[in-house]
């Protein structure tokens, strides 16, 4: 098990645009995916992008089991490896929702995201993925893919009266140790 350091907001590496993966089924890609999984699970994350551990590749992993202590009311999202993603909103409807981030520990904010989303890309073997999702699943995908273009969720917050420390906003749900 390899748990990698998660870069924190302020680190300039989080602002870079990631490069496309050009070769699949390599030992290096498999090792990266294992590190992403191990790191995400150890941090109770709902997703993790390669740039968050300092790797400039268009790779995200996401998914949650039946219970995630950081998102106790969230529905289950199937574990997914998504490489070289392309996101297409399905309609114009947005919804506000609370988000946190392993690279922005201890804080939460409401972020507008497209309610429905089609995402395409490739899995770890280079097989195509094409899914249409909504709600929390769509939010997680959009959040993780933002990391691939150098965006952190506070950059999308519109109402800073709904942004603050997790333990203050949600007593009993303190992820300050992320």
N, C-alpha and C. Protein backbone atom coordinates (compact mmCIF):
# COMPACT_ATOMS: atom_id res chain seq x y z
N UNK A 1 0.86 -1.19 0.00
CA UNK A 1 0.00 0.00 0.00
C UNK A 1 0.89 1.24 0.00
N UNK A 2 0.69 2.11 -0.98
CA UNK A 2 1.46 3.35 -1.06
C UNK A 2 0.50 4.53 -0.96
N UNK A 3 0.59 5.23 0.15
CA UNK A 3 -0.21 6.44 0.32
C UNK A 3 0.71 7.61 0.03
N UNK A 4 0.32 8.39 -0.96
CA UNK A 4 1.14 9.53 -1.40
C UNK A 4 0.70 10.79 -0.68
N UNK A 5 1.60 11.76 -0.64
CA UNK A 5 1.27 13.07 -0.09
C UNK A 5 0.29 13.76 -1.04
N UNK A 6 -0.75 14.34 -0.47
CA UNK A 6 -1.72 15.10 -1.26
C UNK A 6 -1.31 16.57 -1.22
N UNK A 7 -1.11 17.15 -2.39
CA UNK A 7 -0.73 18.56 -2.47
C UNK A 7 -1.86 19.42 -1.95
N UNK A 8 -1.50 20.52 -1.30
CA UNK A 8 -2.49 21.43 -0.72
C UNK A 8 -2.59 22.72 -1.53
N UNK A 9 -3.78 23.34 -1.46
CA UNK A 9 -4.02 24.61 -2.13
C UNK A 9 -2.89 25.57 -1.80
N UNK A 10 -2.39 26.24 -2.81
CA UNK A 10 -1.24 27.12 -2.67
C UNK A 10 -0.02 26.54 -3.37
N UNK A 11 -0.01 25.22 -3.54
CA UNK A 11 1.08 24.57 -4.27
C UNK A 11 0.85 24.84 -5.76
N UNK A 12 1.80 25.47 -6.45
CA UNK A 12 1.60 25.83 -7.86
C UNK A 12 1.38 24.63 -8.78
N UNK A 13 1.78 23.44 -8.35
CA UNK A 13 1.57 22.26 -9.20
C UNK A 13 0.09 21.94 -9.38
N UNK A 14 -0.75 22.41 -8.45
CA UNK A 14 -2.19 22.17 -8.58
C UNK A 14 -2.85 23.06 -9.63
N UNK A 15 -2.14 24.04 -10.11
CA UNK A 15 -2.69 24.99 -11.08
C UNK A 15 -2.31 24.66 -12.52
N UNK A 16 -1.55 23.60 -12.70
CA UNK A 16 -1.11 23.22 -14.04
C UNK A 16 -2.19 22.44 -14.78
N UNK A 17 -2.08 22.44 -16.09
CA UNK A 17 -2.98 21.64 -16.94
C UNK A 17 -2.31 20.30 -17.19
N UNK A 18 -3.02 19.22 -16.91
CA UNK A 18 -2.47 17.87 -17.04
C UNK A 18 -2.39 17.45 -18.51
N UNK A 19 -1.49 16.55 -18.77
CA UNK A 19 -1.26 16.02 -20.12
C UNK A 19 -2.07 14.74 -20.34
N UNK A 20 -2.44 14.50 -21.57
CA UNK A 20 -3.19 13.29 -21.91
C UNK A 20 -2.31 12.04 -21.74
N UNK A 21 -2.94 10.96 -21.35
CA UNK A 21 -2.27 9.66 -21.31
C UNK A 21 -2.25 9.14 -22.74
N UNK A 22 -1.09 8.68 -23.19
CA UNK A 22 -0.96 8.20 -24.57
C UNK A 22 -0.73 6.69 -24.66
N UNK A 23 -0.35 6.08 -23.54
CA UNK A 23 -0.09 4.64 -23.54
C UNK A 23 -0.78 4.00 -22.34
N UNK A 24 -1.55 2.97 -22.60
CA UNK A 24 -2.27 2.25 -21.55
C UNK A 24 -1.57 0.93 -21.25
N UNK A 25 -2.02 0.27 -20.21
CA UNK A 25 -1.51 -1.06 -19.82
C UNK A 25 -0.02 -1.06 -19.55
N UNK A 26 0.49 0.02 -18.98
CA UNK A 26 1.90 0.07 -18.61
C UNK A 26 2.03 -0.13 -17.10
N UNK A 27 3.18 -0.58 -16.68
CA UNK A 27 3.45 -0.74 -15.25
C UNK A 27 3.36 0.60 -14.53
N UNK A 28 3.81 1.67 -15.20
CA UNK A 28 3.77 2.99 -14.58
C UNK A 28 2.34 3.46 -14.35
N UNK A 29 1.46 3.24 -15.32
CA UNK A 29 0.06 3.64 -15.16
C UNK A 29 -0.60 2.81 -14.08
N UNK A 30 -0.33 1.52 -14.05
CA UNK A 30 -0.92 0.66 -13.01
C UNK A 30 -0.45 1.08 -11.63
N UNK A 31 0.82 1.43 -11.49
CA UNK A 31 1.35 1.89 -10.20
C UNK A 31 0.70 3.21 -9.79
N UNK A 32 0.51 4.12 -10.74
CA UNK A 32 -0.16 5.39 -10.44
C UNK A 32 -1.58 5.13 -9.96
N UNK A 33 -2.31 4.26 -10.62
CA UNK A 33 -3.69 3.97 -10.23
C UNK A 33 -3.76 3.34 -8.84
N UNK A 34 -2.82 2.48 -8.53
CA UNK A 34 -2.77 1.87 -7.20
C UNK A 34 -2.50 2.94 -6.15
N UNK A 35 -1.55 3.83 -6.43
CA UNK A 35 -1.24 4.93 -5.49
C UNK A 35 -2.45 5.84 -5.31
N UNK A 36 -3.15 6.16 -6.40
CA UNK A 36 -4.34 7.00 -6.30
C UNK A 36 -5.42 6.32 -5.44
N UNK A 37 -5.66 5.05 -5.69
CA UNK A 37 -6.65 4.31 -4.89
C UNK A 37 -6.26 4.28 -3.42
N UNK A 38 -5.03 3.89 -3.14
CA UNK A 38 -4.58 3.78 -1.75
C UNK A 38 -4.66 5.12 -1.04
N UNK A 39 -4.27 6.18 -1.72
CA UNK A 39 -4.29 7.52 -1.12
C UNK A 39 -5.71 7.99 -0.89
N UNK A 40 -6.59 7.80 -1.87
CA UNK A 40 -7.99 8.20 -1.73
C UNK A 40 -8.65 7.46 -0.59
N UNK A 41 -8.46 6.17 -0.50
CA UNK A 41 -9.08 5.37 0.55
C UNK A 41 -8.56 5.78 1.92
N UNK A 42 -7.25 5.97 2.04
CA UNK A 42 -6.66 6.36 3.33
C UNK A 42 -7.18 7.70 3.81
N UNK A 43 -7.53 8.59 2.88
CA UNK A 43 -8.01 9.93 3.23
C UNK A 43 -9.53 10.02 3.26
N UNK A 44 -10.23 8.89 3.08
CA UNK A 44 -11.70 8.89 3.02
C UNK A 44 -12.23 9.81 1.94
N UNK A 45 -11.54 9.87 0.82
CA UNK A 45 -11.97 10.74 -0.27
C UNK A 45 -13.03 10.08 -1.14
N UNK A 46 -13.78 10.92 -1.84
CA UNK A 46 -14.75 10.43 -2.82
C UNK A 46 -14.12 10.38 -4.20
N UNK A 47 -12.94 10.96 -4.34
CA UNK A 47 -12.23 10.97 -5.60
C UNK A 47 -10.86 11.57 -5.41
N UNK A 48 -10.00 11.34 -6.39
CA UNK A 48 -8.65 11.90 -6.36
C UNK A 48 -8.14 11.98 -7.79
N UNK A 49 -7.49 13.07 -8.11
CA UNK A 49 -6.93 13.29 -9.44
C UNK A 49 -5.41 13.21 -9.36
N UNK A 50 -4.80 12.71 -10.42
CA UNK A 50 -3.35 12.57 -10.44
C UNK A 50 -2.60 13.86 -10.09
N UNK A 51 -3.05 15.04 -10.56
CA UNK A 51 -2.33 16.26 -10.18
C UNK A 51 -2.28 16.50 -8.66
N UNK A 52 -3.24 15.94 -7.93
CA UNK A 52 -3.25 16.13 -6.47
C UNK A 52 -2.10 15.41 -5.79
N UNK A 53 -1.49 14.44 -6.47
CA UNK A 53 -0.30 13.79 -5.92
C UNK A 53 0.93 14.14 -6.76
N UNK A 54 0.83 15.22 -7.52
CA UNK A 54 1.98 15.75 -8.25
C UNK A 54 2.26 15.12 -9.59
N UNK A 55 1.29 14.38 -10.14
CA UNK A 55 1.48 13.72 -11.43
C UNK A 55 0.62 14.44 -12.47
N UNK A 56 1.26 15.01 -13.48
CA UNK A 56 0.57 15.81 -14.48
C UNK A 56 -0.01 14.98 -15.62
N UNK A 57 -0.92 14.06 -15.26
CA UNK A 57 -1.59 13.25 -16.26
C UNK A 57 -3.10 13.35 -16.06
N UNK A 58 -3.84 13.21 -17.14
CA UNK A 58 -5.30 13.28 -17.10
C UNK A 58 -5.88 11.96 -16.61
N UNK A 59 -5.73 11.75 -15.30
CA UNK A 59 -6.20 10.53 -14.66
C UNK A 59 -6.91 10.90 -13.38
N UNK A 60 -8.13 10.38 -13.23
CA UNK A 60 -8.86 10.54 -11.97
C UNK A 60 -9.41 9.18 -11.56
N UNK A 61 -9.53 9.00 -10.26
CA UNK A 61 -10.25 7.86 -9.72
C UNK A 61 -11.31 8.43 -8.80
N UNK A 62 -12.46 7.80 -8.79
CA UNK A 62 -13.51 8.25 -7.88
C UNK A 62 -14.42 7.09 -7.55
N UNK A 63 -15.20 7.30 -6.52
CA UNK A 63 -16.15 6.28 -6.11
C UNK A 63 -16.23 6.25 -4.60
N UNK A 64 -17.35 5.82 -4.11
CA UNK A 64 -17.54 5.74 -2.67
C UNK A 64 -18.32 4.48 -2.35
N UNK A 65 -18.01 3.92 -1.22
CA UNK A 65 -18.74 2.75 -0.76
C UNK A 65 -20.07 3.16 -0.15
N UNK A 66 -20.59 2.28 0.68
CA UNK A 66 -21.89 2.56 1.27
C UNK A 66 -21.84 3.71 2.27
N UNK A 67 -20.68 3.96 2.88
CA UNK A 67 -20.58 5.06 3.84
C UNK A 67 -19.21 5.70 3.73
N UNK A 68 -19.21 7.01 3.56
CA UNK A 68 -17.98 7.79 3.56
C UNK A 68 -18.12 8.82 4.66
N UNK A 69 -17.24 8.80 5.69
CA UNK A 69 -17.39 9.74 6.81
C UNK A 69 -17.30 11.21 6.42
N UNK A 70 -16.67 11.51 5.29
CA UNK A 70 -16.60 12.90 4.84
C UNK A 70 -17.88 13.33 4.14
N UNK A 71 -18.64 12.36 3.61
CA UNK A 71 -19.91 12.64 2.91
C UNK A 71 -20.94 11.61 3.38
N UNK A 72 -21.37 11.70 4.65
CA UNK A 72 -22.22 10.65 5.22
C UNK A 72 -23.58 10.48 4.56
N UNK A 73 -24.09 11.51 3.92
CA UNK A 73 -25.42 11.43 3.31
C UNK A 73 -25.37 11.22 1.80
N UNK A 74 -24.19 11.04 1.26
CA UNK A 74 -24.05 10.93 -0.20
C UNK A 74 -24.42 9.52 -0.68
N UNK A 75 -25.02 9.44 -1.86
CA UNK A 75 -25.31 8.12 -2.43
C UNK A 75 -24.01 7.45 -2.90
N UNK A 76 -24.09 6.15 -3.07
CA UNK A 76 -22.94 5.37 -3.54
C UNK A 76 -22.63 5.76 -4.99
N UNK A 77 -21.35 5.95 -5.27
CA UNK A 77 -20.86 6.20 -6.62
C UNK A 77 -19.92 5.04 -6.95
N UNK A 78 -20.12 4.35 -8.07
CA UNK A 78 -19.25 3.20 -8.38
C UNK A 78 -17.80 3.62 -8.59
N UNK A 79 -16.89 2.77 -8.11
CA UNK A 79 -15.48 3.05 -8.29
C UNK A 79 -15.18 3.10 -9.79
N UNK A 80 -14.53 4.18 -10.19
CA UNK A 80 -14.26 4.39 -11.61
C UNK A 80 -12.86 4.95 -11.79
N UNK A 81 -12.16 4.44 -12.77
CA UNK A 81 -10.92 5.04 -13.27
C UNK A 81 -11.32 5.73 -14.56
N UNK A 82 -11.01 7.02 -14.65
CA UNK A 82 -11.36 7.80 -15.84
C UNK A 82 -10.11 8.50 -16.35
N UNK A 83 -9.73 8.18 -17.57
CA UNK A 83 -8.50 8.71 -18.17
C UNK A 83 -8.87 9.52 -19.40
N UNK A 84 -8.22 10.66 -19.55
CA UNK A 84 -8.46 11.58 -20.68
C UNK A 84 -9.95 11.92 -20.80
N UNK A 85 -10.55 12.41 -19.73
CA UNK A 85 -12.00 12.63 -19.76
C UNK A 85 -12.43 13.80 -20.63
N UNK A 86 -13.64 13.64 -21.15
CA UNK A 86 -14.35 14.71 -21.86
C UNK A 86 -15.72 14.80 -21.18
N UNK A 87 -16.05 15.99 -20.68
CA UNK A 87 -17.32 16.20 -20.00
C UNK A 87 -18.24 17.02 -20.88
N UNK A 88 -19.50 16.59 -20.95
CA UNK A 88 -20.50 17.31 -21.72
C UNK A 88 -21.75 17.47 -20.87
N UNK A 89 -22.11 18.70 -20.51
CA UNK A 89 -23.34 18.88 -19.74
C UNK A 89 -24.55 18.37 -20.52
N UNK A 90 -25.49 17.79 -19.82
CA UNK A 90 -26.76 17.37 -20.41
C UNK A 90 -27.79 18.38 -19.92
N UNK A 91 -28.06 19.37 -20.76
CA UNK A 91 -28.93 20.47 -20.37
C UNK A 91 -28.16 21.58 -19.68
N UNK A 92 -28.88 22.64 -19.34
CA UNK A 92 -28.26 23.80 -18.71
C UNK A 92 -28.47 23.86 -17.21
N UNK A 93 -29.26 22.93 -16.66
CA UNK A 93 -29.63 23.02 -15.25
C UNK A 93 -28.42 22.77 -14.35
N UNK A 94 -28.22 23.70 -13.42
CA UNK A 94 -27.17 23.58 -12.42
C UNK A 94 -27.83 23.39 -11.06
N UNK A 95 -27.04 22.85 -10.13
CA UNK A 95 -27.50 22.79 -8.75
C UNK A 95 -26.31 23.10 -7.85
N UNK A 96 -26.62 23.78 -6.76
CA UNK A 96 -25.61 24.10 -5.76
C UNK A 96 -25.47 22.89 -4.84
N UNK A 97 -24.26 22.62 -4.42
CA UNK A 97 -24.03 21.54 -3.47
C UNK A 97 -22.75 21.79 -2.70
N UNK A 98 -22.71 21.23 -1.50
CA UNK A 98 -21.53 21.37 -0.66
C UNK A 98 -20.41 20.48 -1.18
N UNK A 99 -19.21 21.05 -1.22
CA UNK A 99 -18.03 20.29 -1.61
C UNK A 99 -16.89 20.55 -0.64
N UNK A 100 -16.06 19.56 -0.52
CA UNK A 100 -14.79 19.66 0.16
C UNK A 100 -13.74 19.10 -0.77
N UNK A 101 -12.50 19.15 -0.34
CA UNK A 101 -11.43 18.66 -1.22
C UNK A 101 -10.25 18.27 -0.36
N UNK A 102 -9.63 17.16 -0.69
CA UNK A 102 -8.46 16.71 0.04
C UNK A 102 -7.29 17.69 -0.11
N UNK A 103 -7.30 18.51 -1.15
CA UNK A 103 -6.26 19.53 -1.34
C UNK A 103 -6.62 20.85 -0.66
N UNK A 104 -7.81 20.93 -0.09
CA UNK A 104 -8.27 22.13 0.61
C UNK A 104 -8.83 21.66 1.95
N UNK A 105 -7.97 21.12 2.82
CA UNK A 105 -8.46 20.47 4.04
C UNK A 105 -9.14 21.43 5.01
N UNK A 106 -10.18 20.88 5.64
CA UNK A 106 -10.85 21.62 6.70
C UNK A 106 -11.87 22.63 6.25
N UNK A 107 -12.07 22.78 4.95
CA UNK A 107 -13.01 23.78 4.43
C UNK A 107 -14.07 23.11 3.57
N UNK A 108 -15.23 23.75 3.51
CA UNK A 108 -16.32 23.32 2.62
C UNK A 108 -16.96 24.57 2.03
N UNK A 109 -17.57 24.40 0.86
CA UNK A 109 -18.27 25.51 0.23
C UNK A 109 -19.32 24.98 -0.73
N UNK A 110 -20.30 25.82 -1.02
CA UNK A 110 -21.30 25.42 -2.02
C UNK A 110 -20.79 25.83 -3.40
N UNK A 111 -20.94 24.91 -4.32
CA UNK A 111 -20.41 25.08 -5.67
C UNK A 111 -21.52 24.74 -6.66
N UNK A 112 -21.73 25.58 -7.66
CA UNK A 112 -22.68 25.23 -8.71
C UNK A 112 -22.04 24.23 -9.68
N UNK A 113 -22.79 23.20 -10.00
CA UNK A 113 -22.33 22.20 -10.98
C UNK A 113 -23.51 21.83 -11.86
N UNK A 114 -23.20 21.34 -13.05
CA UNK A 114 -24.27 20.84 -13.90
C UNK A 114 -24.92 19.65 -13.22
N UNK A 115 -26.23 19.62 -13.25
CA UNK A 115 -26.98 18.56 -12.58
C UNK A 115 -26.82 17.23 -13.30
N UNK A 116 -26.83 17.26 -14.62
CA UNK A 116 -26.68 16.05 -15.43
C UNK A 116 -25.45 16.21 -16.32
N UNK A 117 -24.78 15.10 -16.54
CA UNK A 117 -23.49 15.17 -17.22
C UNK A 117 -23.24 13.87 -17.97
N UNK A 118 -22.68 14.01 -19.16
CA UNK A 118 -22.16 12.85 -19.89
C UNK A 118 -20.65 12.93 -19.78
N UNK A 119 -20.04 11.82 -19.37
CA UNK A 119 -18.58 11.80 -19.38
C UNK A 119 -18.09 10.63 -20.21
N UNK A 120 -17.03 10.93 -20.94
CA UNK A 120 -16.40 9.96 -21.80
C UNK A 120 -14.91 9.95 -21.52
N UNK A 121 -14.28 8.86 -21.80
CA UNK A 121 -12.85 8.73 -21.60
C UNK A 121 -12.49 7.27 -21.72
N UNK A 122 -11.49 6.86 -20.97
CA UNK A 122 -10.99 5.50 -21.05
C UNK A 122 -10.75 4.95 -19.65
N UNK A 123 -10.86 3.63 -19.53
CA UNK A 123 -10.52 2.99 -18.27
C UNK A 123 -9.03 2.66 -18.26
N UNK A 124 -8.58 1.95 -17.25
CA UNK A 124 -7.15 1.67 -17.09
C UNK A 124 -6.56 0.81 -18.21
N UNK A 125 -7.42 0.11 -18.95
CA UNK A 125 -6.95 -0.74 -20.05
C UNK A 125 -7.10 -0.08 -21.41
N UNK A 126 -7.60 1.15 -21.43
CA UNK A 126 -7.80 1.85 -22.70
C UNK A 126 -9.17 1.60 -23.32
N UNK A 127 -10.05 0.89 -22.61
CA UNK A 127 -11.41 0.65 -23.10
C UNK A 127 -12.23 1.92 -22.92
N UNK A 128 -13.08 2.24 -23.88
CA UNK A 128 -13.86 3.48 -23.78
C UNK A 128 -14.91 3.42 -22.66
N UNK A 129 -15.12 4.57 -22.06
CA UNK A 129 -16.17 4.78 -21.06
C UNK A 129 -17.08 5.86 -21.61
N UNK A 130 -18.38 5.66 -21.50
CA UNK A 130 -19.36 6.66 -21.94
C UNK A 130 -20.57 6.52 -21.03
N UNK A 131 -20.71 7.44 -20.08
CA UNK A 131 -21.79 7.37 -19.10
C UNK A 131 -22.51 8.72 -19.01
N UNK A 132 -23.78 8.64 -18.71
CA UNK A 132 -24.56 9.83 -18.38
C UNK A 132 -25.03 9.66 -16.94
N UNK A 133 -24.74 10.67 -16.11
CA UNK A 133 -25.01 10.59 -14.68
C UNK A 133 -25.62 11.89 -14.20
N UNK A 134 -26.08 11.88 -12.96
CA UNK A 134 -26.63 13.10 -12.38
C UNK A 134 -26.35 13.14 -10.89
N UNK A 135 -26.71 14.27 -10.29
CA UNK A 135 -26.59 14.41 -8.85
C UNK A 135 -25.16 14.34 -8.34
N UNK A 136 -24.99 13.63 -7.21
CA UNK A 136 -23.69 13.55 -6.56
C UNK A 136 -22.63 12.94 -7.48
N UNK A 137 -23.00 11.93 -8.24
CA UNK A 137 -22.06 11.29 -9.17
C UNK A 137 -21.54 12.33 -10.17
N UNK A 138 -22.44 13.13 -10.75
CA UNK A 138 -22.03 14.17 -11.69
C UNK A 138 -21.14 15.21 -11.01
N UNK A 139 -21.47 15.55 -9.77
CA UNK A 139 -20.68 16.53 -9.01
C UNK A 139 -19.26 16.03 -8.80
N UNK A 140 -19.13 14.78 -8.39
CA UNK A 140 -17.80 14.21 -8.12
C UNK A 140 -16.95 14.22 -9.39
N UNK A 141 -17.53 13.81 -10.51
CA UNK A 141 -16.78 13.78 -11.77
C UNK A 141 -16.31 15.19 -12.13
N UNK A 142 -17.21 16.18 -12.05
CA UNK A 142 -16.84 17.55 -12.41
C UNK A 142 -15.74 18.08 -11.48
N UNK A 143 -15.88 17.80 -10.19
CA UNK A 143 -14.88 18.25 -9.22
C UNK A 143 -13.51 17.66 -9.55
N UNK A 144 -13.45 16.35 -9.75
CA UNK A 144 -12.16 15.71 -10.02
C UNK A 144 -11.56 16.17 -11.34
N UNK A 145 -12.38 16.30 -12.35
CA UNK A 145 -11.87 16.74 -13.66
C UNK A 145 -11.40 18.19 -13.64
N UNK A 146 -11.95 19.01 -12.75
CA UNK A 146 -11.42 20.37 -12.59
C UNK A 146 -9.93 20.35 -12.25
N UNK A 147 -9.52 19.36 -11.46
CA UNK A 147 -8.10 19.27 -11.09
C UNK A 147 -7.20 19.09 -12.32
N UNK A 148 -7.75 18.54 -13.37
CA UNK A 148 -6.94 18.29 -14.58
C UNK A 148 -6.68 19.55 -15.38
N UNK A 149 -7.44 20.61 -15.08
CA UNK A 149 -7.23 21.89 -15.76
C UNK A 149 -6.82 22.99 -14.78
N UNK A 150 -6.34 22.59 -13.62
CA UNK A 150 -5.79 23.56 -12.68
C UNK A 150 -6.81 24.33 -11.87
N UNK A 151 -8.00 23.78 -11.68
CA UNK A 151 -9.03 24.46 -10.90
C UNK A 151 -9.29 23.74 -9.59
N UNK A 152 -9.44 24.50 -8.53
CA UNK A 152 -9.85 23.99 -7.23
C UNK A 152 -11.25 24.54 -6.94
N UNK A 153 -12.05 23.78 -6.21
CA UNK A 153 -13.45 24.18 -6.04
C UNK A 153 -13.65 25.58 -5.49
N UNK A 154 -12.77 26.14 -4.60
CA UNK A 154 -13.03 27.52 -4.16
C UNK A 154 -13.05 28.53 -5.31
N UNK A 155 -12.40 28.19 -6.43
CA UNK A 155 -12.42 29.08 -7.59
C UNK A 155 -13.80 29.14 -8.22
N UNK A 156 -14.66 28.19 -7.90
CA UNK A 156 -16.02 28.13 -8.46
C UNK A 156 -17.10 28.61 -7.48
N UNK A 157 -16.71 28.86 -6.23
CA UNK A 157 -17.68 29.33 -5.23
C UNK A 157 -18.20 30.70 -5.64
N UNK A 158 -19.52 30.86 -5.63
CA UNK A 158 -20.13 32.15 -5.99
C UNK A 158 -20.58 32.93 -4.76
N UNK A 159 -20.94 32.23 -3.71
CA UNK A 159 -21.47 32.86 -2.49
C UNK A 159 -20.57 32.50 -1.32
N UNK A 160 -19.68 33.41 -0.95
CA UNK A 160 -18.72 33.12 0.10
C UNK A 160 -19.32 33.16 1.49
N UNK A 161 -20.61 33.47 1.61
CA UNK A 161 -21.27 33.30 2.91
C UNK A 161 -21.54 31.82 3.15
N UNK A 162 -21.36 30.99 2.11
CA UNK A 162 -21.54 29.54 2.22
C UNK A 162 -20.22 28.83 1.94
N UNK A 163 -19.17 29.34 2.57
CA UNK A 163 -17.82 28.79 2.46
C UNK A 163 -17.15 28.98 3.80
N UNK A 164 -16.62 27.92 4.37
CA UNK A 164 -15.96 28.07 5.66
C UNK A 164 -15.42 26.76 6.18
N UNK A 165 -15.07 26.78 7.45
CA UNK A 165 -14.49 25.61 8.08
C UNK A 165 -15.56 24.55 8.32
N UNK A 166 -15.21 23.33 7.98
CA UNK A 166 -16.14 22.22 8.08
C UNK A 166 -16.72 22.09 9.48
N UNK A 167 -15.88 22.14 10.50
CA UNK A 167 -16.34 21.97 11.88
C UNK A 167 -17.28 23.07 12.35
N UNK A 168 -17.21 24.24 11.75
CA UNK A 168 -18.12 25.34 12.08
C UNK A 168 -19.43 25.19 11.31
N UNK A 169 -19.32 24.90 10.03
CA UNK A 169 -20.51 24.75 9.20
C UNK A 169 -21.31 23.50 9.54
N UNK A 170 -20.59 22.43 9.87
CA UNK A 170 -21.21 21.13 10.14
C UNK A 170 -20.63 20.56 11.43
N UNK A 171 -21.08 21.05 12.58
CA UNK A 171 -20.53 20.52 13.84
C UNK A 171 -20.62 18.98 13.87
N UNK A 172 -19.54 18.36 14.25
CA UNK A 172 -19.49 16.91 14.30
C UNK A 172 -18.90 16.30 13.04
N UNK A 173 -18.81 17.07 11.97
CA UNK A 173 -18.20 16.59 10.73
C UNK A 173 -16.97 17.44 10.51
N UNK A 174 -15.86 17.06 11.11
CA UNK A 174 -14.65 17.87 11.04
C UNK A 174 -13.60 17.14 10.23
N UNK A 175 -13.32 17.62 9.02
CA UNK A 175 -12.26 17.00 8.22
C UNK A 175 -11.02 17.86 8.18
N UNK A 176 -10.74 18.55 9.28
CA UNK A 176 -9.57 19.42 9.34
C UNK A 176 -8.28 18.62 9.22
N UNK A 177 -8.33 17.33 9.48
CA UNK A 177 -7.13 16.50 9.42
C UNK A 177 -6.85 15.96 8.04
N UNK A 178 -7.68 16.30 7.06
CA UNK A 178 -7.48 15.77 5.68
C UNK A 178 -6.08 16.02 5.20
